[in-house]
Amino acid sequence: MLELKDIKKDYPAGDGIVHALKGIDLKFRSNEFVSILGPSGCGKTTMLNIIGGLDQYTSGDLIINGRSTKNFKDRDWDSYRNHSIGFVFQSYNLISHQTVLQNVELALTLSGVSKSERKSRAIAALEEVGLGNQLKKKPSEMSGGQM
């Protein structure tokens, strides 16, 4: 499903270049659970941003479902992010004046899901993770774990 082939990522820094990733080769199998561990500054977040289509690699190739991303256009990345990958950020990125249900529905709105389907899918997802009784709460009324 997902393969990184000799992925390199360089950033300009003053008069030099920082080599954030130095040739990562990695293959993820379908339905595999993976943890990425390492010390601060070793490139974990850079690699995840590349896998998620949030950042571009300098060289190498990212293969998604057998397709090279070398020639991906913005619309290809948008489709990938909308239909194939999800993100759990360290900061919650919840909209404080909206309810839990509205926050979950927002992601589906951006994916073009109809209003009625959006609500039923959001409720089902919240119930599945044990938050079905939190639908009307605001993020400030929830614990960090619930958020």
N, C-alpha and C. Protein backbone atom coordinates (compact mmCIF):
# COMPACT_ATOMS: atom_id res chain seq x y z
N MET A 1 0.81 -1.20 0.00
CA MET A 1 0.00 0.00 0.00
C MET A 1 0.85 1.26 0.00
N LEU A 2 1.91 1.27 0.82
CA LEU A 2 2.72 2.47 0.97
C LEU A 2 4.18 2.08 1.03
N GLU A 3 4.99 2.74 0.20
CA GLU A 3 6.41 2.41 0.16
C GLU A 3 7.23 3.68 -0.02
N LEU A 4 8.27 3.81 0.77
CA LEU A 4 9.23 4.90 0.64
C LEU A 4 10.50 4.32 0.05
N LYS A 5 10.95 4.89 -1.05
CA LYS A 5 12.17 4.42 -1.72
C LYS A 5 13.20 5.53 -1.72
N ASP A 6 14.24 5.33 -0.93
CA ASP A 6 15.37 6.26 -0.88
C ASP A 6 14.91 7.72 -0.70
N ILE A 7 13.96 7.93 0.20
CA ILE A 7 13.41 9.27 0.43
C ILE A 7 14.44 10.14 1.14
N LYS A 8 14.69 11.28 0.54
CA LYS A 8 15.58 12.28 1.13
C LYS A 8 14.82 13.60 1.23
N LYS A 9 15.11 14.34 2.29
CA LYS A 9 14.51 15.66 2.47
C LYS A 9 15.60 16.59 3.00
N ASP A 10 15.84 17.65 2.24
CA ASP A 10 16.83 18.66 2.59
C ASP A 10 16.15 20.00 2.78
N TYR A 11 16.65 20.75 3.77
CA TYR A 11 16.17 22.10 4.03
C TYR A 11 17.35 23.07 3.98
N PRO A 12 17.17 24.21 3.30
CA PRO A 12 18.24 25.22 3.37
C PRO A 12 18.31 25.81 4.77
N ALA A 13 19.52 26.02 5.25
CA ALA A 13 19.71 26.61 6.59
C ALA A 13 20.93 27.53 6.53
N GLY A 14 20.65 28.82 6.46
CA GLY A 14 21.74 29.78 6.36
C GLY A 14 22.53 29.54 5.09
N ASP A 15 23.84 29.32 5.24
CA ASP A 15 24.70 29.06 4.07
C ASP A 15 24.79 27.58 3.74
N GLY A 16 24.14 26.74 4.54
CA GLY A 16 24.25 25.30 4.34
C GLY A 16 22.91 24.63 4.08
N ILE A 17 22.93 23.32 4.20
CA ILE A 17 21.74 22.50 3.99
C ILE A 17 21.63 21.51 5.14
N VAL A 18 20.43 21.37 5.68
CA VAL A 18 20.16 20.35 6.69
C VAL A 18 19.56 19.14 5.98
N HIS A 19 20.17 17.99 6.19
CA HIS A 19 19.68 16.75 5.60
C HIS A 19 18.76 16.08 6.63
N ALA A 20 17.46 16.38 6.55
CA ALA A 20 16.51 15.87 7.53
C ALA A 20 16.25 14.38 7.37
N LEU A 21 16.17 13.91 6.15
CA LEU A 21 16.03 12.49 5.86
C LEU A 21 17.12 12.12 4.86
N LYS A 22 17.80 11.03 5.13
CA LYS A 22 18.98 10.68 4.34
C LYS A 22 18.83 9.35 3.62
N GLY A 23 17.73 9.15 2.96
CA GLY A 23 17.56 7.92 2.17
C GLY A 23 16.77 6.85 2.91
N ILE A 24 15.53 7.15 3.22
CA ILE A 24 14.66 6.22 3.95
C ILE A 24 14.05 5.21 2.98
N ASP A 25 14.22 3.93 3.30
CA ASP A 25 13.59 2.84 2.57
C ASP A 25 12.68 2.12 3.57
N LEU A 26 11.38 2.10 3.26
CA LEU A 26 10.42 1.54 4.20
C LEU A 26 9.19 1.09 3.43
N LYS A 27 8.65 -0.04 3.81
CA LYS A 27 7.45 -0.55 3.14
C LYS A 27 6.43 -0.93 4.21
N PHE A 28 5.21 -0.43 4.06
CA PHE A 28 4.12 -0.76 4.98
C PHE A 28 3.19 -1.75 4.29
N ARG A 29 2.87 -2.82 4.99
CA ARG A 29 1.94 -3.81 4.45
C ARG A 29 0.50 -3.39 4.78
N SER A 30 -0.44 -3.90 4.04
CA SER A 30 -1.85 -3.63 4.29
C SER A 30 -2.24 -4.07 5.69
N ASN A 31 -2.98 -3.24 6.39
CA ASN A 31 -3.49 -3.52 7.73
C ASN A 31 -2.40 -3.70 8.79
N GLU A 32 -1.22 -3.18 8.52
CA GLU A 32 -0.12 -3.29 9.47
C GLU A 32 -0.18 -2.13 10.45
N PHE A 33 0.09 -2.40 11.72
CA PHE A 33 0.17 -1.38 12.75
C PHE A 33 1.64 -1.08 12.97
N VAL A 34 2.02 0.19 12.87
CA VAL A 34 3.43 0.56 12.94
C VAL A 34 3.61 1.71 13.93
N SER A 35 4.67 1.64 14.71
CA SER A 35 5.07 2.74 15.58
C SER A 35 6.40 3.28 15.05
N ILE A 36 6.53 4.58 15.04
CA ILE A 36 7.77 5.20 14.60
C ILE A 36 8.39 5.88 15.81
N LEU A 37 9.55 5.39 16.20
CA LEU A 37 10.21 5.86 17.40
C LEU A 37 11.59 6.42 17.06
N GLY A 38 12.04 7.34 17.88
CA GLY A 38 13.39 7.87 17.71
C GLY A 38 13.56 9.13 18.50
N PRO A 39 14.80 9.56 18.67
CA PRO A 39 15.05 10.76 19.45
C PRO A 39 14.56 12.02 18.75
N SER A 40 14.40 13.07 19.53
CA SER A 40 13.98 14.36 18.99
C SER A 40 14.94 14.80 17.89
N GLY A 41 14.39 15.25 16.79
CA GLY A 41 15.20 15.77 15.70
C GLY A 41 15.70 14.74 14.71
N CYS A 42 15.24 13.48 14.83
CA CYS A 42 15.76 12.45 13.93
C CYS A 42 14.99 12.35 12.61
N GLY A 43 13.87 13.09 12.46
CA GLY A 43 13.14 13.09 11.19
C GLY A 43 11.80 12.40 11.21
N LYS A 44 11.31 12.00 12.39
CA LYS A 44 10.01 11.30 12.46
C LYS A 44 8.88 12.14 11.87
N THR A 45 8.77 13.37 12.34
CA THR A 45 7.68 14.24 11.88
C THR A 45 7.85 14.59 10.41
N THR A 46 9.07 14.81 9.97
CA THR A 46 9.32 15.09 8.55
C THR A 46 8.85 13.92 7.70
N MET A 47 9.19 12.70 8.12
CA MET A 47 8.78 11.52 7.36
C MET A 47 7.26 11.39 7.34
N LEU A 48 6.61 11.59 8.49
CA LEU A 48 5.14 11.49 8.54
C LEU A 48 4.48 12.56 7.69
N ASN A 49 5.05 13.77 7.66
CA ASN A 49 4.50 14.83 6.82
C ASN A 49 4.62 14.48 5.34
N ILE A 50 5.69 13.81 4.97
CA ILE A 50 5.86 13.37 3.58
C ILE A 50 4.86 12.27 3.27
N ILE A 51 4.74 11.29 4.15
CA ILE A 51 3.77 10.20 3.95
C ILE A 51 2.35 10.76 3.84
N GLY A 52 2.04 11.78 4.63
CA GLY A 52 0.71 12.38 4.63
C GLY A 52 0.46 13.38 3.53
N GLY A 53 1.46 13.64 2.70
CA GLY A 53 1.28 14.60 1.61
C GLY A 53 1.27 16.04 2.09
N LEU A 54 1.77 16.30 3.29
CA LEU A 54 1.82 17.66 3.82
C LEU A 54 3.14 18.35 3.46
N ASP A 55 4.14 17.57 3.07
CA ASP A 55 5.44 18.10 2.69
C ASP A 55 5.96 17.27 1.52
N GLN A 56 6.81 17.84 0.71
CA GLN A 56 7.36 17.15 -0.46
C GLN A 56 8.77 16.68 -0.16
N TYR A 57 9.12 15.53 -0.69
CA TYR A 57 10.47 15.01 -0.53
C TYR A 57 11.39 15.65 -1.56
N THR A 58 12.69 15.68 -1.24
CA THR A 58 13.68 16.26 -2.14
C THR A 58 14.02 15.29 -3.26
N SER A 59 14.19 14.01 -2.90
CA SER A 59 14.45 12.99 -3.91
C SER A 59 13.99 11.64 -3.38
N GLY A 60 14.01 10.65 -4.25
CA GLY A 60 13.48 9.33 -3.94
C GLY A 60 12.08 9.21 -4.50
N ASP A 61 11.30 8.31 -3.95
CA ASP A 61 9.93 8.15 -4.42
C ASP A 61 9.05 7.61 -3.30
N LEU A 62 7.86 8.13 -3.25
CA LEU A 62 6.81 7.65 -2.36
C LEU A 62 5.80 6.95 -3.24
N ILE A 63 5.58 5.67 -2.99
CA ILE A 63 4.66 4.86 -3.79
C ILE A 63 3.40 4.63 -2.97
N ILE A 64 2.26 5.04 -3.52
CA ILE A 64 0.98 4.86 -2.86
C ILE A 64 0.12 3.94 -3.71
N ASN A 65 -0.24 2.79 -3.15
CA ASN A 65 -1.05 1.80 -3.87
C ASN A 65 -0.47 1.50 -5.25
N GLY A 66 0.85 1.33 -5.29
CA GLY A 66 1.53 0.97 -6.53
C GLY A 66 1.78 2.13 -7.48
N ARG A 67 1.43 3.34 -7.09
CA ARG A 67 1.56 4.51 -7.97
C ARG A 67 2.59 5.49 -7.42
N SER A 68 3.54 5.85 -8.24
CA SER A 68 4.55 6.83 -7.86
C SER A 68 3.90 8.19 -7.65
N THR A 69 4.39 8.92 -6.66
CA THR A 69 3.87 10.27 -6.40
C THR A 69 4.74 11.36 -7.03
N LYS A 70 5.75 10.96 -7.78
CA LYS A 70 6.67 11.95 -8.37
C LYS A 70 5.94 12.99 -9.20
N ASN A 71 4.90 12.59 -9.88
CA ASN A 71 4.17 13.51 -10.76
C ASN A 71 2.78 13.86 -10.23
N PHE A 72 2.56 13.65 -8.94
CA PHE A 72 1.27 14.00 -8.34
C PHE A 72 1.01 15.49 -8.50
N LYS A 73 -0.20 15.82 -8.83
CA LYS A 73 -0.67 17.21 -8.87
C LYS A 73 -1.37 17.50 -7.54
N ASP A 74 -1.68 18.77 -7.31
CA ASP A 74 -2.38 19.14 -6.07
C ASP A 74 -3.65 18.34 -5.89
N ARG A 75 -4.40 18.13 -6.96
CA ARG A 75 -5.67 17.40 -6.85
C ARG A 75 -5.43 15.93 -6.45
N ASP A 76 -4.30 15.35 -6.88
CA ASP A 76 -3.97 13.97 -6.48
C ASP A 76 -3.70 13.90 -4.98
N TRP A 77 -2.92 14.88 -4.47
CA TRP A 77 -2.63 14.93 -3.03
C TRP A 77 -3.91 15.18 -2.25
N ASP A 78 -4.77 16.07 -2.75
CA ASP A 78 -6.04 16.35 -2.07
C ASP A 78 -6.89 15.09 -1.97
N SER A 79 -6.97 14.35 -3.05
CA SER A 79 -7.76 13.11 -3.07
C SER A 79 -7.17 12.09 -2.10
N TYR A 80 -5.87 11.96 -2.09
CA TYR A 80 -5.19 11.04 -1.17
C TYR A 80 -5.48 11.41 0.28
N ARG A 81 -5.35 12.70 0.61
CA ARG A 81 -5.60 13.12 1.99
C ARG A 81 -7.06 12.97 2.38
N ASN A 82 -7.98 13.16 1.44
CA ASN A 82 -9.41 13.05 1.73
C ASN A 82 -9.90 11.62 1.85
N HIS A 83 -9.26 10.69 1.13
CA HIS A 83 -9.82 9.34 1.03
C HIS A 83 -8.94 8.23 1.55
N SER A 84 -7.66 8.50 1.78
CA SER A 84 -6.76 7.39 2.09
C SER A 84 -5.99 7.51 3.40
N ILE A 85 -5.89 8.67 3.96
CA ILE A 85 -5.03 8.84 5.13
C ILE A 85 -5.70 9.77 6.13
N GLY A 86 -5.43 9.56 7.39
CA GLY A 86 -5.96 10.43 8.43
C GLY A 86 -4.83 10.90 9.32
N PHE A 87 -5.06 11.95 10.05
CA PHE A 87 -4.04 12.52 10.90
C PHE A 87 -4.57 12.66 12.32
N VAL A 88 -3.73 12.36 13.28
CA VAL A 88 -4.02 12.65 14.68
C VAL A 88 -2.90 13.58 15.11
N PHE A 89 -3.23 14.84 15.30
CA PHE A 89 -2.23 15.85 15.63
C PHE A 89 -1.98 15.88 17.13
N GLN A 90 -0.79 16.30 17.52
CA GLN A 90 -0.48 16.43 18.94
C GLN A 90 -1.30 17.54 19.56
N SER A 91 -1.55 18.60 18.82
CA SER A 91 -2.49 19.61 19.28
C SER A 91 -3.83 19.25 18.66
N TYR A 92 -4.90 19.48 19.37
CA TYR A 92 -6.19 18.89 18.98
C TYR A 92 -6.83 19.55 17.77
N ASN A 93 -6.53 20.81 17.51
CA ASN A 93 -7.08 21.50 16.35
C ASN A 93 -8.61 21.47 16.30
N LEU A 94 -9.23 21.52 17.47
CA LEU A 94 -10.69 21.56 17.53
C LEU A 94 -11.14 23.01 17.57
N ILE A 95 -12.30 23.26 16.99
CA ILE A 95 -12.85 24.61 16.98
C ILE A 95 -13.63 24.80 18.27
N SER A 96 -13.14 25.70 19.10
CA SER A 96 -13.63 25.81 20.48
C SER A 96 -15.09 26.19 20.61
N HIS A 97 -15.64 26.96 19.67
CA HIS A 97 -17.04 27.39 19.80
C HIS A 97 -18.02 26.39 19.18
N GLN A 98 -17.51 25.30 18.61
CA GLN A 98 -18.39 24.27 18.05
C GLN A 98 -18.45 23.06 18.98
N THR A 99 -19.54 22.30 18.86
CA THR A 99 -19.68 21.09 19.67
C THR A 99 -18.77 19.99 19.13
N VAL A 100 -18.65 18.94 19.92
CA VAL A 100 -17.87 17.78 19.50
C VAL A 100 -18.42 17.25 18.17
N LEU A 101 -19.74 17.11 18.09
CA LEU A 101 -20.37 16.61 16.88
C LEU A 101 -20.05 17.52 15.69
N GLN A 102 -20.14 18.81 15.85
CA GLN A 102 -19.84 19.75 14.76
C GLN A 102 -18.39 19.66 14.32
N ASN A 103 -17.48 19.46 15.27
CA ASN A 103 -16.07 19.32 14.94
C ASN A 103 -15.83 18.08 14.07
N VAL A 104 -16.48 16.97 14.42
CA VAL A 104 -16.31 15.74 13.65
C VAL A 104 -16.98 15.88 12.28
N GLU A 105 -18.13 16.52 12.25
CA GLU A 105 -18.84 16.72 10.98
C GLU A 105 -18.02 17.59 10.02
N LEU A 106 -17.25 18.52 10.55
CA LEU A 106 -16.49 19.44 9.70
C LEU A 106 -15.57 18.70 8.75
N ALA A 107 -14.89 17.67 9.23
CA ALA A 107 -13.99 16.91 8.37
C ALA A 107 -14.77 16.27 7.22
N LEU A 108 -15.98 15.81 7.49
CA LEU A 108 -16.79 15.20 6.44
C LEU A 108 -17.32 16.25 5.47
N THR A 109 -17.56 17.46 5.97
CA THR A 109 -18.00 18.57 5.11
C THR A 109 -16.93 18.85 4.07
N LEU A 110 -15.68 18.87 4.51
CA LEU A 110 -14.56 19.15 3.61
C LEU A 110 -14.39 18.05 2.57
N SER A 111 -14.91 16.85 2.88
CA SER A 111 -14.83 15.73 1.93
C SER A 111 -16.04 15.65 1.03
N GLY A 112 -16.99 16.59 1.18
CA GLY A 112 -18.15 16.65 0.29
C GLY A 112 -19.28 15.70 0.64
N VAL A 113 -19.34 15.24 1.87
CA VAL A 113 -20.41 14.32 2.30
C VAL A 113 -21.67 15.15 2.58
N SER A 114 -22.83 14.61 2.18
CA SER A 114 -24.10 15.33 2.38
C SER A 114 -24.38 15.54 3.86
N LYS A 115 -25.21 16.56 4.17
CA LYS A 115 -25.50 16.93 5.57
C LYS A 115 -26.09 15.77 6.37
N SER A 116 -27.06 15.07 5.82
CA SER A 116 -27.70 13.99 6.57
C SER A 116 -26.73 12.83 6.81
N GLU A 117 -25.96 12.48 5.80
CA GLU A 117 -24.99 11.39 5.96
C GLU A 117 -23.87 11.81 6.91
N ARG A 118 -23.48 13.08 6.83
CA ARG A 118 -22.43 13.63 7.69
C ARG A 118 -22.78 13.42 9.16
N LYS A 119 -23.99 13.80 9.52
CA LYS A 119 -24.41 13.72 10.92
C LYS A 119 -24.46 12.27 11.38
N SER A 120 -25.05 11.40 10.60
CA SER A 120 -25.16 10.00 11.02
C SER A 120 -23.78 9.34 11.11
N ARG A 121 -22.89 9.64 10.19
CA ARG A 121 -21.54 9.07 10.23
C ARG A 121 -20.74 9.62 11.41
N ALA A 122 -20.90 10.91 11.68
CA ALA A 122 -20.18 11.53 12.80
C ALA A 122 -20.65 10.93 14.13
N ILE A 123 -21.96 10.78 14.28
CA ILE A 123 -22.51 10.18 15.52
C ILE A 123 -22.00 8.76 15.66
N ALA A 124 -22.04 7.99 14.59
CA ALA A 124 -21.58 6.60 14.64
C ALA A 124 -20.10 6.53 15.03
N ALA A 125 -19.28 7.41 14.49
CA ALA A 125 -17.85 7.41 14.80
C ALA A 125 -17.62 7.77 16.27
N LEU A 126 -18.35 8.77 16.75
CA LEU A 126 -18.20 9.17 18.15
C LEU A 126 -18.67 8.06 19.10
N GLU A 127 -19.75 7.39 18.74
CA GLU A 127 -20.23 6.28 19.56
C GLU A 127 -19.21 5.14 19.57
N GLU A 128 -18.60 4.89 18.42
CA GLU A 128 -17.63 3.81 18.30
C GLU A 128 -16.42 4.00 19.20
N VAL A 129 -16.04 5.25 19.46
CA VAL A 129 -14.89 5.51 20.33
C VAL A 129 -15.31 5.88 21.75
N GLY A 130 -16.58 5.64 22.07
CA GLY A 130 -17.05 5.85 23.43
C GLY A 130 -17.40 7.29 23.78
N LEU A 131 -17.65 8.12 22.78
CA LEU A 131 -17.99 9.52 23.03
C LEU A 131 -19.41 9.87 22.59
N GLY A 132 -20.27 8.87 22.47
CA GLY A 132 -21.64 9.11 22.05
C GLY A 132 -22.42 9.99 23.02
N ASN A 133 -21.99 10.04 24.27
CA ASN A 133 -22.68 10.88 25.26
C ASN A 133 -22.05 12.27 25.38
N GLN A 134 -21.14 12.61 24.48
CA GLN A 134 -20.43 13.90 24.53
C GLN A 134 -20.77 14.81 23.35
N LEU A 135 -21.75 14.44 22.54
CA LEU A 135 -22.03 15.12 21.27
C LEU A 135 -22.23 16.62 21.39
N LYS A 136 -22.88 17.07 22.45
CA LYS A 136 -23.23 18.48 22.57
C LYS A 136 -22.22 19.29 23.37
N LYS A 137 -21.19 18.63 23.86
CA LYS A 137 -20.18 19.33 24.64
C LYS A 137 -19.25 20.13 23.74
N LYS A 138 -18.70 21.18 24.29
CA LYS A 138 -17.66 21.97 23.63
C LYS A 138 -16.31 21.36 24.01
N PRO A 139 -15.29 21.54 23.21
CA PRO A 139 -13.98 20.97 23.53
C PRO A 139 -13.48 21.33 24.93
N SER A 140 -13.77 22.53 25.39
CA SER A 140 -13.31 22.95 26.72
C SER A 140 -13.96 22.17 27.86
N GLU A 141 -15.02 21.45 27.55
CA GLU A 141 -15.74 20.65 28.55
C GLU A 141 -15.29 19.19 28.55
N MET A 142 -14.24 18.89 27.81
CA MET A 142 -13.78 17.52 27.68
C MET A 142 -12.36 17.39 28.22
N SER A 143 -11.99 16.17 28.57
CA SER A 143 -10.62 15.90 29.00
C SER A 143 -9.71 15.86 27.79
N GLY A 144 -8.41 15.91 28.03
CA GLY A 144 -7.44 15.82 26.94
C GLY A 144 -7.57 14.52 26.18
N GLY A 145 -7.77 13.42 26.89
CA GLY A 145 -7.95 12.13 26.24
C GLY A 145 -9.18 12.07 25.37
N GLN A 146 -10.28 12.70 25.84
CA GLN A 146 -11.50 12.72 25.04
C GLN A 146 -11.31 13.56 23.79
N MET A 147 -10.60 14.66 23.94
CA MET A 147 -10.35 15.50 22.75
C MET A 147 -9.55 14.75 21.72
